Amino acid sequence: MVIRSLLWSWALPAVLLSLVLLSTLLSMPAYAVSELTARVDKNPVMLGESVLLEVTADSRVPATSINFRVLDNNFTVMAPSVNQSTRVINGDASHSTIWTVTML
């Protein structure tokens, strides 16, 4: 009886902790990006020319996931546009998110 009581006193908190952790993990959004690419529309760029920067993620992620404010020290950054798309081929779905921003 004592062993059973000790086992139960240990098992119940472990089960409750497991349930709390599981519910927390399931409620958190998961954004797994396996590939992130960036490209510019021209290279080299002359002083005073605008440059179009395109950043592509191979999954659907929130539009605010990238902070372009870090570029403000070196460029005049226009408001980015975001395009999210889903493509289904033979039942296999693929998602992408593309940010496009013009920099001066």
Protein backbone atom coordinates (compact mmCIF):
# COMPACT_ATOMS: atom_id res chain seq x y z
CA MET A 1 0.00 0.00 0.00
CA VAL A 2 2.85 2.41 0.84
CA ILE A 3 4.64 1.61 -2.44
CA ARG A 4 1.41 2.11 -4.37
CA SER A 5 0.85 5.44 -2.60
CA LEU A 6 4.43 6.56 -3.35
CA LEU A 7 4.11 5.50 -6.97
CA TRP A 8 0.82 7.35 -7.35
CA SER A 9 2.21 10.48 -5.66
CA TRP A 10 5.04 10.50 -8.22
CA ALA A 11 2.97 9.45 -11.26
CA LEU A 12 0.17 11.99 -10.94
CA PRO A 13 2.43 15.08 -11.03
CA ALA A 14 4.39 13.55 -13.92
CA VAL A 15 1.19 12.94 -15.89
CA LEU A 16 -0.11 16.44 -15.15
CA LEU A 17 3.23 17.98 -16.13
CA SER A 18 3.23 15.96 -19.35
CA LEU A 19 -0.29 17.13 -20.18
CA VAL A 20 0.61 20.77 -19.53
CA LEU A 21 3.73 20.52 -21.69
CA LEU A 22 1.85 18.75 -24.46
CA SER A 23 -0.96 21.31 -24.50
CA THR A 24 1.59 24.13 -24.51
CA LEU A 25 3.46 22.62 -27.44
CA LEU A 26 0.26 22.04 -29.38
CA SER A 27 -0.97 25.58 -28.81
CA MET A 28 2.29 27.20 -29.93
CA PRO A 29 2.57 28.01 -33.62
CA ALA A 30 5.33 26.12 -35.34
CA TYR A 31 7.05 27.77 -38.26
CA ALA A 32 9.55 25.44 -39.79
CA VAL A 33 11.38 27.03 -42.67
CA SER A 34 13.81 24.64 -44.28
CA GLU A 35 15.00 27.12 -46.90
CA LEU A 36 15.21 30.90 -46.92
CA THR A 37 16.63 32.64 -49.98
CA ALA A 38 17.32 36.28 -50.77
CA ARG A 39 18.10 37.89 -54.10
CA VAL A 40 18.41 41.36 -55.56
CA ASP A 41 17.29 42.44 -59.02
CA LYS A 42 20.64 43.92 -60.07
CA ASN A 43 24.30 43.61 -59.25
CA PRO A 44 26.26 45.89 -59.20
CA VAL A 45 24.15 48.84 -58.11
CA MET A 46 25.13 52.43 -58.81
CA LEU A 47 24.83 55.12 -56.14
CA GLY A 48 21.30 56.53 -56.15
CA GLU A 49 19.73 53.52 -57.89
CA SER A 50 16.94 51.54 -56.31
CA VAL A 51 17.36 47.85 -55.55
CA LEU A 52 14.57 45.31 -55.30
CA LEU A 53 15.19 42.74 -52.54
CA GLU A 54 13.18 39.52 -52.61
CA VAL A 55 13.22 37.11 -49.66
CA THR A 56 11.54 33.72 -50.11
CA ALA A 57 10.62 31.17 -47.43
CA ASP A 58 9.60 27.68 -48.49
CA SER A 59 6.63 27.62 -46.10
CA ARG A 60 3.73 29.76 -45.00
CA VAL A 61 4.90 32.08 -42.22
CA PRO A 62 3.42 35.29 -40.79
CA ALA A 63 4.00 38.39 -42.88
CA THR A 64 5.68 40.11 -39.93
CA SER A 65 8.30 37.37 -39.48
CA ILE A 66 11.04 39.44 -41.12
CA ASN A 67 12.07 42.78 -39.67
CA PHE A 68 13.41 44.95 -42.49
CA ARG A 69 14.14 47.82 -40.05
CA VAL A 70 17.71 46.54 -39.70
CA LEU A 71 18.34 47.88 -43.22
CA ASP A 72 17.37 51.45 -42.25
CA ASN A 73 20.94 52.37 -41.27
CA ASN A 74 22.22 51.86 -44.82
CA PHE A 75 19.16 52.26 -47.08
CA THR A 76 15.88 54.06 -47.43
CA VAL A 77 13.54 51.09 -47.19
CA MET A 78 10.05 51.23 -48.69
CA ALA A 79 7.16 49.24 -47.22
CA PRO A 80 7.53 45.54 -48.05
CA SER A 81 4.86 43.61 -49.90
CA VAL A 82 4.12 39.99 -48.99
CA ASN A 83 2.80 37.21 -51.19
CA GLN A 84 1.79 33.84 -49.75
CA SER A 85 0.95 30.96 -52.04
CA THR A 86 -0.01 27.32 -51.89
CA ARG A 87 0.59 24.89 -54.74
CA VAL A 88 -0.93 21.41 -54.88
CA ILE A 89 0.49 18.91 -57.37
CA ASN A 90 -0.77 15.33 -57.30
CA GLY A 91 -2.02 15.80 -53.75
CA ASP A 92 1.29 17.17 -52.42
CA ALA A 93 0.95 20.71 -51.09
CA SER A 94 3.81 23.18 -50.94
CA HIS A 95 3.66 26.65 -49.45
CA SER A 96 5.80 29.73 -49.92
CA THR A 97 5.99 33.25 -48.56
CA ILE A 98 7.73 35.97 -50.58
CA TRP A 99 8.62 39.41 -49.23
CA THR A 100 9.54 42.11 -51.77
CA VAL A 101 11.01 45.41 -50.67
CA THR A 102 12.47 48.33 -52.60
CA MET A 103 15.57 49.97 -51.16
CA LEU A 104 17.14 53.28 -52.19
